[in-house]
Amino acid sequence: IKCIFRTVVSNLLVLHFVGILLVVDALVLTVLFAILGISFRGKRFIIWIFTPVLFLAFDYLTDSRYYRQLLTRFVPESHAVGALVYSAHFLILLRSLSVALCLAEESHRISDGTLEHVRITPFRLWKTLWTVLEYAFYPYSFFFGPIVPFQDWLDFQDGKTNPSCIRFAKLTGRIRPLTVCSLLGRAIRLIFWYHFWYFVLCFLYPNALFMYAYFQPSRGRLSGFNPWETAGFSAKPVAIVMAAHMAGIHFYMLHLLFYGIPGLLSDLELFLSSNRRNIVPSECASSHSCSEHHSSNSGKQDSTDSISLSQARICLIPAPPSCVAHVALYSEMWRQVMLHLLSFDRGLYNFLLRHVYHPLLPGIQTHQGLLRVVFHTSALVVPFVFVLVFHSFSYANVIWTVMNFIQLCAERILKWAFRQTHFGVLLRQTLSSSVLEYGVFLLKSLSWIFSLTAFIYFRFGYEVGTQFLYFAAFTPRKYSVVSVLVLRCPDSRYRDCRTMWLCRVPYWFPLQQPILRRKQHFS
């Protein structure tokens, strides 16, 4: 009864806020992928063949189908509804794919008799359908995420606390204390950051500054590589670079709310429920092997290690993102499973971990020689290809993905060379610690420049990203933007934010230029 009630209420909410098309979209995709999962038991590669085709097909269909729906609404509401529809649609695709892959595996194990405890019954379609629909229409994360794999949903509903569930829960920050003080503190923090950033946006206009040169006509050739001056807007190079950094912070603030509010509501429902499921066992709560490290920068252990047994619960929604201002290494954003933890979108990381990397893991462990290299390379490349397909093929997204891949490979190669080659040993023995720290700082600064440029392509599109790249590389100033970024210490980035307060755009220019783009994940 609870399953049916939750599904019906979620459908009514979607009907009220968006419309019938999104409900039909979710129903059709969920049922279609569920049928694929039951039909192709043990043959997940067939599902993966259908998936890119459906992603690309719906990528073109949504441009006309949903935008025609938006035209029937008032103009002030169109962009908000468009963001809801675009984000929810492709999250529906991810959930449907997770359902298909999970059902295919469970159906295969049931038919072989290797599954002792049958949590879902693929051959009793009515019960399975309601379980899948409840997962597909889970209200807290329906529109903006974060994504929760179907396997985690089943484990959460069954109250599983085995080592495998705890390991995945710790990787995504889903083990949290559920007390009145903790929930109230999280709510106060979310409210505070919402109002604080709303106040900041009354004075800072990072998105508007980047879209200004794109929308304003040229007023003469004041500078061949400075589109802001060409459009008649004068700003210091450092101010424009800091606008790019503030745009990244703004993107983080949005996802802090998008991921923090659903997690708070879901944890509140779990806290108010009368059952005592999902409690972390004492041997795992106190075991060092179960410990988690949030960020390599802070070096602090996960807070669940010091939580009493009665307070630590395995929650459903992953933890919100870590602050981008504390991320120094690029791999802390694009974190692979062979490293420790993804910092920003833990839900997407868990999805890639379960459905992309783990199926390739047996090939890495069992094969040797060339096949092992092929499987290891596939495990590194396929997640990037999947993220590109998920975000749609466009010039900006292709550049963003390629820059991400190059950045991660370069970082891993440099780490390997420094730790395991003769040249790295020679550097450690010859250079002093202060010189090595300065060299690491230069590399991190270059990494920050590369990441910032990739983010501008991702967030604002190909034209604005190319403008920023030309501006950063060829600005005819005494000190180029690149030299400013490389030679200044990280603390100066925040001191230079003062120049942003002096950058005024016309009062008629929108505070946040709305861009109808698929739900995106910062890197």
Protein backbone atom coordinates (compact mmCIF):
# COMPACT_ATOMS: atom_id res chain seq x y z
CA ILE A 1 0.00 0.00 0.00
CA LYS A 2 2.84 2.40 0.82
CA CYS A 3 4.45 1.64 -2.54
CA ILE A 4 1.24 2.37 -4.46
CA PHE A 5 0.51 5.50 -2.43
CA ARG A 6 4.00 6.94 -2.98
CA THR A 7 3.85 6.24 -6.73
CA VAL A 8 0.41 7.83 -7.13
CA VAL A 9 1.36 10.93 -5.14
CA SER A 10 4.57 11.36 -7.14
CA ASN A 11 2.64 11.12 -10.40
CA LEU A 12 0.18 13.75 -9.22
CA LEU A 13 3.04 16.09 -8.26
CA VAL A 14 4.67 15.69 -11.67
CA LEU A 15 1.33 16.28 -13.38
CA HIS A 16 0.81 19.45 -11.39
CA PHE A 17 4.26 21.01 -11.78
CA VAL A 18 5.18 19.88 -15.32
CA GLY A 19 2.50 18.03 -17.24
CA ILE A 20 1.35 14.73 -18.67
CA LEU A 21 4.26 14.35 -21.11
CA LEU A 22 6.85 13.80 -18.40
CA VAL A 23 4.65 11.21 -16.66
CA VAL A 24 4.20 9.32 -19.92
CA ASP A 25 7.92 9.64 -20.57
CA ALA A 26 8.81 8.08 -17.21
CA LEU A 27 6.24 5.29 -17.55
CA VAL A 28 7.24 4.33 -21.09
CA LEU A 29 10.98 4.33 -20.46
CA THR A 30 10.73 2.49 -17.14
CA VAL A 31 8.47 -0.25 -18.50
CA LEU A 32 10.52 -0.55 -21.71
CA PHE A 33 13.81 -1.02 -19.89
CA ALA A 34 12.23 -3.36 -17.35
CA ILE A 35 11.04 -5.58 -20.21
CA LEU A 36 14.52 -5.46 -21.75
CA GLY A 37 16.07 -6.49 -18.45
CA ILE A 38 13.72 -9.43 -17.96
CA SER A 39 13.95 -10.54 -21.59
CA PHE A 40 17.74 -10.49 -21.92
CA ARG A 41 18.67 -12.21 -18.67
CA GLY A 42 22.41 -12.46 -18.22
CA LYS A 43 23.05 -10.55 -21.47
CA ARG A 44 23.73 -7.04 -20.32
CA PHE A 45 25.74 -6.21 -23.43
CA ILE A 46 22.50 -6.26 -25.47
CA ILE A 47 21.01 -3.66 -23.13
CA TRP A 48 24.14 -1.54 -23.53
CA ILE A 49 23.69 -1.72 -27.31
CA PHE A 50 20.17 -0.29 -27.03
CA THR A 51 21.13 2.36 -24.50
CA PRO A 52 23.26 4.75 -26.64
CA VAL A 53 20.67 4.58 -29.41
CA LEU A 54 17.89 5.54 -27.01
CA PHE A 55 19.97 8.28 -25.43
CA LEU A 56 20.76 9.87 -28.79
CA ALA A 57 17.23 9.36 -30.13
CA PHE A 58 15.59 11.00 -27.12
CA ASP A 59 18.21 13.74 -27.27
CA TYR A 60 16.74 14.85 -30.59
CA LEU A 61 13.11 14.16 -29.70
CA THR A 62 13.14 16.27 -26.56
CA ASP A 63 14.20 19.40 -28.44
CA SER A 64 10.90 19.52 -30.30
CA ARG A 65 8.48 17.65 -28.05
CA TYR A 66 9.21 19.37 -24.75
CA TYR A 67 9.85 22.80 -26.18
CA ARG A 68 6.44 22.76 -27.85
CA GLN A 69 5.02 22.12 -24.41
CA LEU A 70 6.99 25.04 -23.00
CA LEU A 71 5.56 27.40 -25.59
CA THR A 72 2.10 26.88 -24.13
CA ARG A 73 3.22 28.39 -20.81
CA PHE A 74 4.04 31.90 -19.78
CA VAL A 75 7.53 33.13 -20.69
CA PRO A 76 8.74 33.63 -17.07
CA GLU A 77 7.96 29.98 -16.34
CA SER A 78 9.36 28.45 -19.52
CA HIS A 79 13.00 28.26 -18.47
CA ALA A 80 12.20 26.84 -15.04
CA VAL A 81 9.92 24.18 -16.52
CA GLY A 82 12.51 23.45 -19.18
CA ALA A 83 15.18 22.84 -16.57
CA LEU A 84 12.85 20.48 -14.69
CA VAL A 85 11.93 18.56 -17.83
CA TYR A 86 15.44 18.29 -19.22
CA SER A 87 16.99 17.19 -15.95
CA ALA A 88 14.21 14.78 -15.04
CA HIS A 89 14.10 13.18 -18.48
CA PHE A 90 17.71 12.08 -18.57
CA LEU A 91 17.67 11.04 -14.94
CA ILE A 92 14.72 8.84 -15.91
CA LEU A 93 16.91 7.31 -18.60
CA LEU A 94 19.64 6.55 -16.05
CA ARG A 95 17.18 5.01 -13.60
CA SER A 96 15.59 2.93 -16.36
CA LEU A 97 18.99 1.68 -17.46
CA SER A 98 19.83 0.76 -13.87
CA VAL A 99 16.55 -1.15 -13.62
CA ALA A 100 17.26 -3.08 -16.82
CA LEU A 101 20.79 -4.05 -15.80
CA CYS A 102 19.72 -5.08 -12.31
CA LEU A 103 16.74 -7.12 -13.55
CA ALA A 104 18.90 -8.83 -16.16
CA GLU A 105 21.37 -9.93 -13.51
CA GLU A 106 18.72 -10.98 -10.98
CA SER A 107 16.72 -12.88 -13.63
CA HIS A 108 19.84 -14.76 -14.65
CA ARG A 109 20.66 -15.66 -11.04
CA ILE A 110 17.08 -16.78 -10.35
CA SER A 111 17.00 -19.00 -13.43
CA ASP A 112 20.34 -20.56 -12.42
CA GLY A 113 19.20 -21.07 -8.83
CA THR A 114 22.13 -19.11 -7.41
CA LEU A 115 19.99 -16.44 -5.74
CA GLU A 116 18.97 -17.57 -2.29
CA HIS A 117 16.87 -14.60 -1.20
CA VAL A 118 14.58 -13.35 -3.96
CA ARG A 119 14.00 -9.65 -3.31
CA ILE A 120 12.32 -9.01 -6.65
CA THR A 121 10.45 -11.56 -8.74
CA PRO A 122 10.90 -10.80 -12.43
CA PHE A 123 8.43 -13.53 -13.36
CA ARG A 124 5.68 -12.01 -11.20
CA LEU A 125 5.37 -8.88 -13.27
CA TRP A 126 2.77 -7.11 -11.16
CA LYS A 127 4.87 -7.03 -7.99
CA THR A 128 8.03 -6.22 -9.91
CA LEU A 129 6.31 -3.42 -11.82
CA TRP A 130 5.17 -1.63 -8.66
CA THR A 131 8.64 -1.95 -7.13
CA VAL A 132 10.21 -0.49 -10.26
CA LEU A 133 7.66 2.32 -10.54
CA GLU A 134 8.15 3.30 -6.90
CA TYR A 135 11.87 3.57 -7.60
CA ALA A 136 11.34 5.50 -10.84
CA PHE A 137 8.98 8.04 -9.25
CA TYR A 138 10.83 8.50 -5.96
CA PRO A 139 9.80 12.12 -5.34
CA TYR A 140 12.84 13.56 -3.55
CA SER A 141 15.35 12.92 -6.33
CA PHE A 142 13.02 12.77 -9.33
CA PHE A 143 13.80 16.14 -10.93
CA PHE A 144 17.42 16.98 -10.12
CA GLY A 145 18.88 13.83 -8.62
CA PRO A 146 21.20 12.59 -7.36
CA ILE A 147 20.90 9.27 -9.12
CA VAL A 148 20.47 6.19 -6.93
CA PRO A 149 21.17 2.81 -8.60
CA PHE A 150 18.35 0.28 -8.44
CA GLN A 151 20.58 -2.14 -6.54
CA ASP A 152 21.05 0.43 -3.77
CA TRP A 153 17.30 1.01 -3.72
CA LEU A 154 16.60 -2.70 -3.19
CA ASP A 155 19.27 -2.98 -0.50
CA PHE A 156 17.87 0.07 1.27
CA GLN A 157 14.28 -1.20 1.16
CA ASP A 158 15.38 -4.58 2.53
CA GLY A 159 17.51 -2.99 5.25
CA LYS A 160 20.66 -4.73 4.07
CA THR A 161 23.77 -4.02 6.15
CA ASN A 162 26.22 -6.57 4.75
CA PRO A 163 29.84 -5.52 4.05
CA SER A 164 29.17 -4.95 0.34
CA CYS A 165 26.28 -2.57 1.06
CA ILE A 166 28.31 -0.73 3.68
CA ARG A 167 31.26 -0.39 1.32
CA PHE A 168 29.14 1.20 -1.41
CA ALA A 169 27.34 3.35 1.14
CA LYS A 170 30.62 4.71 2.49
CA LEU A 171 31.94 5.45 -0.99
CA THR A 172 28.93 7.69 -1.63
CA GLY A 173 28.63 9.21 1.84
CA ARG A 174 25.34 7.48 2.60
CA ILE A 175 26.22 6.53 6.20
CA ARG A 176 25.11 9.47 8.31
CA PRO A 177 23.88 10.15 11.85
CA LEU A 178 20.11 10.50 12.10
CA THR A 179 19.37 12.59 15.17
CA VAL A 180 17.32 15.69 15.76
CA CYS A 181 20.45 17.82 16.12
CA SER A 182 22.08 16.51 12.95
CA LEU A 183 18.97 16.95 10.81
CA LEU A 184 18.28 20.39 12.22
CA GLY A 185 21.90 21.42 11.70
CA ARG A 186 21.83 20.31 8.06
CA ALA A 187 18.60 22.19 7.46
CA ILE A 188 20.02 25.37 9.00
CA ARG A 189 23.17 25.09 6.88
CA LEU A 190 21.18 24.68 3.66
CA ILE A 191 18.97 27.65 4.50
CA PHE A 192 21.99 29.76 5.40
CA TRP A 193 23.91 28.97 2.19
CA TYR A 194 20.83 29.59 0.08
CA HIS A 195 20.30 33.08 1.49
CA PHE A 196 24.02 33.84 1.58
CA TRP A 197 24.51 32.99 -2.08
CA TYR A 198 21.32 34.83 -3.04
CA PHE A 199 22.81 37.89 -1.35
CA VAL A 200 26.14 37.40 -3.15
CA LEU A 201 24.40 37.22 -6.53
CA CYS A 202 22.96 40.66 -5.89
CA PHE A 203 26.50 42.03 -6.36
CA LEU A 204 28.35 39.43 -8.45
CA TYR A 205 27.28 38.50 -11.97
CA PRO A 206 29.57 35.68 -13.16
CA ASN A 207 27.12 34.09 -15.61
CA ALA A 208 25.99 37.41 -16.99
CA LEU A 209 29.58 38.56 -17.47
CA PHE A 210 30.35 35.56 -19.65
CA MET A 211 27.19 35.81 -21.70
CA TYR A 212 27.61 39.57 -22.20
CA ALA A 213 30.20 39.30 -24.97
CA TYR A 214 28.17 36.56 -26.65
CA PHE A 215 24.91 38.48 -26.86
CA GLN A 216 26.16 42.04 -27.29
CA PRO A 217 27.11 43.24 -30.78
CA SER A 218 30.66 44.36 -31.45
CA ARG A 219 31.38 48.08 -31.03
CA GLY A 220 34.57 48.18 -33.00
CA ARG A 221 37.80 46.22 -32.96
CA LEU A 222 39.25 47.37 -29.67
CA SER A 223 40.98 44.05 -29.15
CA GLY A 224 41.15 41.06 -31.42
CA PHE A 225 41.25 38.53 -28.59
CA ASN A 226 39.19 40.27 -25.91
CA PRO A 227 35.50 39.84 -26.79
CA TRP A 228 34.48 41.80 -23.69
CA GLU A 229 36.31 44.91 -24.85
CA THR A 230 35.05 44.34 -28.39
CA ALA A 231 31.50 44.35 -27.03
CA GLY A 232 32.16 47.62 -25.21
CA PHE A 233 32.65 46.24 -21.71
CA SER A 234 35.86 47.06 -19.87
CA ALA A 235 37.08 44.64 -17.20
CA LYS A 236 40.43 43.66 -15.81
CA PRO A 237 41.75 40.26 -16.91
CA VAL A 238 41.88 39.05 -13.32
CA ALA A 239 38.23 40.01 -12.86
CA ILE A 240 37.18 37.91 -15.85
CA VAL A 241 39.20 34.95 -14.59
CA MET A 242 37.67 35.33 -11.15
CA ALA A 243 34.25 35.46 -12.79
CA ALA A 244 35.02 32.03 -14.24
CA HIS A 245 36.01 30.79 -10.79
CA MET A 246 32.87 32.29 -9.25
CA ALA A 247 30.76 30.63 -11.96
CA GLY A 248 32.17 27.32 -10.75
CA ILE A 249 31.32 28.19 -7.16
CA HIS A 250 27.82 29.16 -8.31
CA PHE A 251 27.46 25.78 -10.03
CA TYR A 252 28.57 24.11 -6.81
CA MET A 253 26.02 26.08 -4.76
CA LEU A 254 23.23 24.99 -7.08
CA HIS A 255 24.13 21.33 -6.72
CA LEU A 256 24.63 21.72 -2.99
CA LEU A 257 20.92 22.58 -2.83
CA PHE A 258 19.85 20.13 -5.55
CA TYR A 259 21.54 17.23 -3.73
CA GLY A 260 21.33 18.47 -0.15
CA ILE A 261 17.56 19.06 0.03
CA PRO A 262 16.55 15.59 -1.31
CA GLY A 263 18.99 13.94 1.09
CA LEU A 264 17.60 15.90 4.02
CA LEU A 265 13.98 15.04 3.17
CA SER A 266 14.79 11.37 2.61
CA ASP A 267 16.71 11.16 5.90
CA LEU A 268 13.86 12.91 7.70
CA GLU A 269 11.42 10.30 6.41
CA LEU A 270 13.75 7.52 7.55
CA PHE A 271 14.15 9.17 10.95
CA LEU A 272 10.39 9.53 11.44
CA SER A 273 9.68 5.94 10.44
CA SER A 274 9.11 3.52 13.28
CA ASN A 275 11.39 0.78 11.93
CA ARG A 276 15.02 0.40 13.00
CA ARG A 277 16.38 -0.81 9.68
CA ASN A 278 19.61 0.21 7.99
CA ILE A 279 21.55 0.45 11.25
CA VAL A 280 25.29 0.03 10.76
CA PRO A 281 26.58 -3.06 12.64
CA SER A 282 29.04 -2.44 15.45
CA GLU A 283 31.83 -4.45 13.81
CA CYS A 284 31.62 -2.24 10.71
CA ALA A 285 31.08 0.99 12.60
CA SER A 286 34.27 0.45 14.57
CA SER A 287 36.32 -1.41 11.97
CA HIS A 288 39.21 0.42 10.38
CA SER A 289 38.55 -1.39 7.10
CA CYS A 290 35.20 0.29 6.83
CA SER A 291 36.54 3.77 7.40
CA GLU A 292 36.21 6.41 4.73
CA HIS A 293 38.21 9.49 3.96
CA HIS A 294 36.20 12.37 2.62
CA SER A 295 38.87 14.44 0.95
CA SER A 296 42.59 13.97 0.56
CA ASN A 297 43.02 17.67 1.22
CA SER A 298 41.45 17.69 4.63
CA GLY A 299 42.83 14.32 5.72
CA LYS A 300 39.93 13.83 8.10
CA GLN A 301 38.28 10.49 8.59
CA ASP A 302 34.62 10.06 7.98
CA SER A 303 32.46 11.22 10.82
CA THR A 304 30.66 7.90 10.92
CA ASP A 305 33.67 6.31 12.59
CA SER A 306 32.95 8.26 15.76
CA ILE A 307 29.18 7.92 15.66
CA SER A 308 27.54 5.61 18.11
CA LEU A 309 25.86 2.49 16.82
CA SER A 310 22.36 3.78 17.50
CA GLN A 311 22.93 6.90 15.38
CA ALA A 312 24.73 5.61 12.26
CA ARG A 313 22.23 4.66 9.55
CA ILE A 314 22.62 3.69 5.90
CA CYS A 315 20.64 6.35 4.06
CA LEU A 316 19.36 6.28 0.50
CA ILE A 317 20.44 9.60 -1.02
CA PRO A 318 24.21 10.16 -1.50
CA ALA A 319 25.95 12.99 0.31
CA PRO A 320 26.05 16.46 -1.26
CA PRO A 321 29.21 17.56 -3.12
CA SER A 322 32.41 18.66 -1.48
CA CYS A 323 33.29 22.33 -1.85
CA VAL A 324 35.13 22.98 -5.11
CA ALA A 325 37.30 25.62 -3.40
CA HIS A 326 39.04 22.84 -1.45
CA VAL A 327 39.75 20.63 -4.47
CA ALA A 328 43.35 20.96 -5.64
CA LEU A 329 43.79 17.82 -7.73
CA TYR A 330 41.73 17.17 -10.81
CA SER A 331 41.16 13.50 -10.08
CA GLU A 332 39.25 14.50 -6.94
CA MET A 333 36.46 15.60 -9.30
CA TRP A 334 36.73 12.77 -11.83
CA ARG A 335 37.52 10.06 -9.30
CA GLN A 336 37.76 6.52 -10.63
CA VAL A 337 37.12 3.43 -8.53
CA MET A 338 40.82 2.59 -8.31
CA LEU A 339 41.23 5.86 -6.39
CA HIS A 340 39.36 6.73 -3.20
CA LEU A 341 36.27 8.86 -3.61
CA LEU A 342 34.44 11.06 -6.03
CA SER A 343 34.04 14.50 -4.51
CA PHE A 344 31.28 16.13 -6.48
CA ASP A 345 28.56 13.82 -7.85
CA ARG A 346 28.66 10.70 -5.72
CA GLY A 347 25.43 9.38 -7.25
CA LEU A 348 26.84 9.37 -10.78
CA TYR A 349 30.07 7.86 -9.45
CA ASN A 350 28.14 5.02 -7.82
CA PHE A 351 26.22 4.42 -11.04
CA LEU A 352 29.44 4.21 -13.07
CA LEU A 353 31.00 2.03 -10.39
CA ARG A 354 28.20 -0.53 -10.35
CA HIS A 355 27.20 -0.65 -14.00
CA VAL A 356 30.31 0.37 -15.96
CA TYR A 357 33.48 -0.44 -14.04
CA HIS A 358 32.52 -3.56 -12.09
CA PRO A 359 31.50 -5.57 -15.21
CA LEU A 360 35.02 -4.91 -16.57
CA LEU A 361 36.75 -5.79 -13.30
CA PRO A 362 36.84 -9.61 -13.85
CA GLY A 363 38.64 -9.06 -17.16
CA ILE A 364 41.28 -6.93 -15.42
CA GLN A 365 41.80 -9.50 -12.66
CA THR A 366 41.79 -12.70 -14.72
CA HIS A 367 43.56 -11.75 -17.95
CA GLN A 368 47.23 -11.05 -18.46
CA GLY A 369 49.29 -9.28 -21.07
CA LEU A 370 47.54 -7.43 -23.88
CA LEU A 371 44.01 -8.38 -22.82
CA ARG A 372 44.62 -7.00 -19.36
CA VAL A 373 45.79 -3.71 -20.89
CA VAL A 374 42.68 -3.63 -23.10
CA PHE A 375 40.32 -4.17 -20.15
CA HIS A 376 42.19 -1.67 -17.99
CA THR A 377 42.08 0.95 -20.76
CA SER A 378 38.39 0.26 -21.34
CA ALA A 379 37.69 0.74 -17.64
CA LEU A 380 39.34 4.15 -17.88
CA VAL A 381 37.81 5.30 -21.19
CA VAL A 382 34.27 3.88 -21.07
CA PRO A 383 33.09 6.04 -18.10
CA PHE A 384 34.10 9.18 -19.99
CA VAL A 385 32.31 7.99 -23.12
CA PHE A 386 29.20 7.21 -21.10
CA VAL A 387 29.21 10.64 -19.46
CA LEU A 388 29.57 12.25 -22.90
CA VAL A 389 26.60 10.29 -24.24
CA PHE A 390 24.61 11.21 -21.14
CA HIS A 391 25.34 14.93 -21.59
CA SER A 392 24.72 14.75 -25.39
CA PHE A 393 27.15 15.09 -28.26
CA SER A 394 28.03 18.72 -28.86
CA TYR A 395 31.24 20.54 -29.61
CA ALA A 396 31.38 21.96 -26.10
CA ASN A 397 30.73 18.64 -24.36
CA VAL A 398 33.23 16.78 -26.55
CA ILE A 399 35.92 19.36 -25.74
CA TRP A 400 34.98 19.21 -22.06
CA THR A 401 35.21 15.41 -21.97
CA VAL A 402 38.49 15.26 -23.90
CA MET A 403 40.06 17.88 -21.64
CA ASN A 404 38.86 15.91 -18.62
CA PHE A 405 40.40 12.71 -19.95
CA ILE A 406 43.71 14.37 -20.85
CA GLN A 407 43.88 16.02 -17.45
CA LEU A 408 43.28 12.81 -15.52
CA CYS A 409 45.75 10.82 -17.62
CA ALA A 410 48.42 13.52 -17.25
CA GLU A 411 47.96 13.58 -13.48
CA ARG A 412 48.23 9.82 -13.15
CA ILE A 413 51.29 9.66 -15.41
CA LEU A 414 53.06 12.38 -13.44
CA LYS A 415 52.28 10.64 -10.14
CA TRP A 416 53.58 7.34 -11.49
CA ALA A 417 56.74 8.94 -12.88
CA PHE A 418 57.46 10.77 -9.64
CA ARG A 419 56.96 7.72 -7.42
CA GLN A 420 58.26 4.78 -9.42
CA THR A 421 60.81 5.97 -11.98
CA HIS A 422 64.50 6.66 -11.55
CA PHE A 423 63.94 10.28 -12.58
CA GLY A 424 61.38 10.73 -9.81
CA VAL A 425 63.75 9.24 -7.24
CA LEU A 426 66.48 11.57 -8.45
CA LEU A 427 64.18 14.58 -8.08
CA ARG A 428 63.24 13.62 -4.53
CA GLN A 429 66.89 13.20 -3.57
CA THR A 430 68.18 16.33 -5.30
CA LEU A 431 65.54 18.99 -4.72
CA SER A 432 64.58 20.38 -1.35
CA SER A 433 61.08 20.06 0.04
CA SER A 434 60.32 23.75 -0.53
CA VAL A 435 61.30 23.50 -4.21
CA LEU A 436 59.18 20.39 -4.63
CA GLU A 437 56.22 22.12 -2.98
CA TYR A 438 56.59 25.08 -5.34
CA GLY A 439 56.73 22.71 -8.31
CA VAL A 440 53.61 20.92 -7.12
CA PHE A 441 51.93 24.31 -6.74
CA LEU A 442 52.77 25.22 -10.34
CA LEU A 443 51.35 21.93 -11.58
CA LYS A 444 48.18 22.42 -9.54
CA SER A 445 47.84 25.95 -10.92
CA LEU A 446 48.14 24.64 -14.47
CA SER A 447 45.60 21.97 -13.57
CA TRP A 448 43.27 24.68 -12.29
CA ILE A 449 43.62 26.66 -15.54
CA PHE A 450 42.87 23.55 -17.59
CA SER A 451 39.90 22.62 -15.42
CA LEU A 452 38.52 26.16 -15.50
CA THR A 453 38.65 26.31 -19.29
CA ALA A 454 36.94 22.92 -19.57
CA PHE A 455 34.22 24.06 -17.18
CA ILE A 456 33.56 27.22 -19.23
CA TYR A 457 33.03 25.06 -22.32
CA PHE A 458 30.72 22.78 -20.36
CA ARG A 459 28.69 25.46 -18.62
CA PHE A 460 28.38 28.19 -21.26
CA GLY A 461 28.82 26.41 -24.58
CA TYR A 462 31.30 26.30 -27.41
CA GLU A 463 31.26 29.98 -28.38
CA VAL A 464 31.81 31.34 -24.88
CA GLY A 465 34.40 28.66 -24.11
CA THR A 466 36.38 29.53 -27.22
CA GLN A 467 36.21 33.22 -26.35
CA PHE A 468 37.57 32.52 -22.89
CA LEU A 469 40.34 30.32 -24.31
CA TYR A 470 41.45 33.05 -26.73
CA PHE A 471 41.23 35.62 -23.97
CA ALA A 472 43.31 33.54 -21.55
CA ALA A 473 45.99 32.74 -24.12
CA PHE A 474 46.32 35.97 -26.11
CA THR A 475 45.22 38.87 -23.91
CA PRO A 476 47.58 41.77 -24.79
CA ARG A 477 48.31 42.79 -21.23
CA LYS A 478 51.52 43.33 -19.34
CA TYR A 479 50.74 40.17 -17.41
CA SER A 480 48.71 37.57 -19.24
CA VAL A 481 45.95 35.71 -17.49
CA VAL A 482 48.00 32.53 -17.59
CA SER A 483 50.92 34.12 -15.75
CA VAL A 484 48.56 35.60 -13.18
CA LEU A 485 47.06 32.18 -12.48
CA VAL A 486 50.37 30.34 -12.36
CA LEU A 487 52.36 32.75 -10.21
CA ARG A 488 49.74 33.78 -7.66
CA CYS A 489 49.10 31.66 -4.63
CA PRO A 490 45.64 30.14 -4.08
CA ASP A 491 44.79 32.65 -1.35
CA SER A 492 45.20 35.51 -3.81
CA ARG A 493 42.34 34.05 -5.81
CA TYR A 494 39.98 35.01 -3.02
CA ARG A 495 41.61 38.41 -2.52
CA ASP A 496 41.20 39.11 -6.21
CA CYS A 497 37.47 38.49 -5.86
CA ARG A 498 37.32 42.14 -4.77
CA THR A 499 37.74 43.17 -8.40
CA MET A 500 34.54 41.31 -9.23
CA TRP A 501 32.58 43.68 -7.00
CA LEU A 502 33.58 46.56 -9.25
CA CYS A 503 32.50 44.82 -12.45
CA ARG A 504 29.06 46.16 -13.22
CA VAL A 505 26.90 45.09 -16.12
CA PRO A 506 23.85 47.01 -17.37
CA TYR A 507 20.91 46.83 -15.02
CA TRP A 508 18.72 45.26 -17.68
CA PHE A 509 21.01 42.27 -18.13
CA PRO A 510 19.66 39.15 -16.38
CA LEU A 511 21.27 38.06 -13.16
CA GLN A 512 21.57 34.50 -14.38
CA GLN A 513 21.32 33.96 -18.11
CA PRO A 514 19.13 30.87 -18.40
CA ILE A 515 20.50 28.14 -20.61
CA LEU A 516 18.34 25.13 -21.41
CA ARG A 517 20.91 22.41 -21.06
CA ARG A 518 20.79 18.91 -19.82
CA LYS A 519 21.51 18.22 -16.18
CA GLN A 520 25.24 18.67 -15.99
CA HIS A 521 27.96 17.50 -13.63
CA PHE A 522 30.79 19.80 -12.82
CA SER A 523 34.37 18.72 -13.22
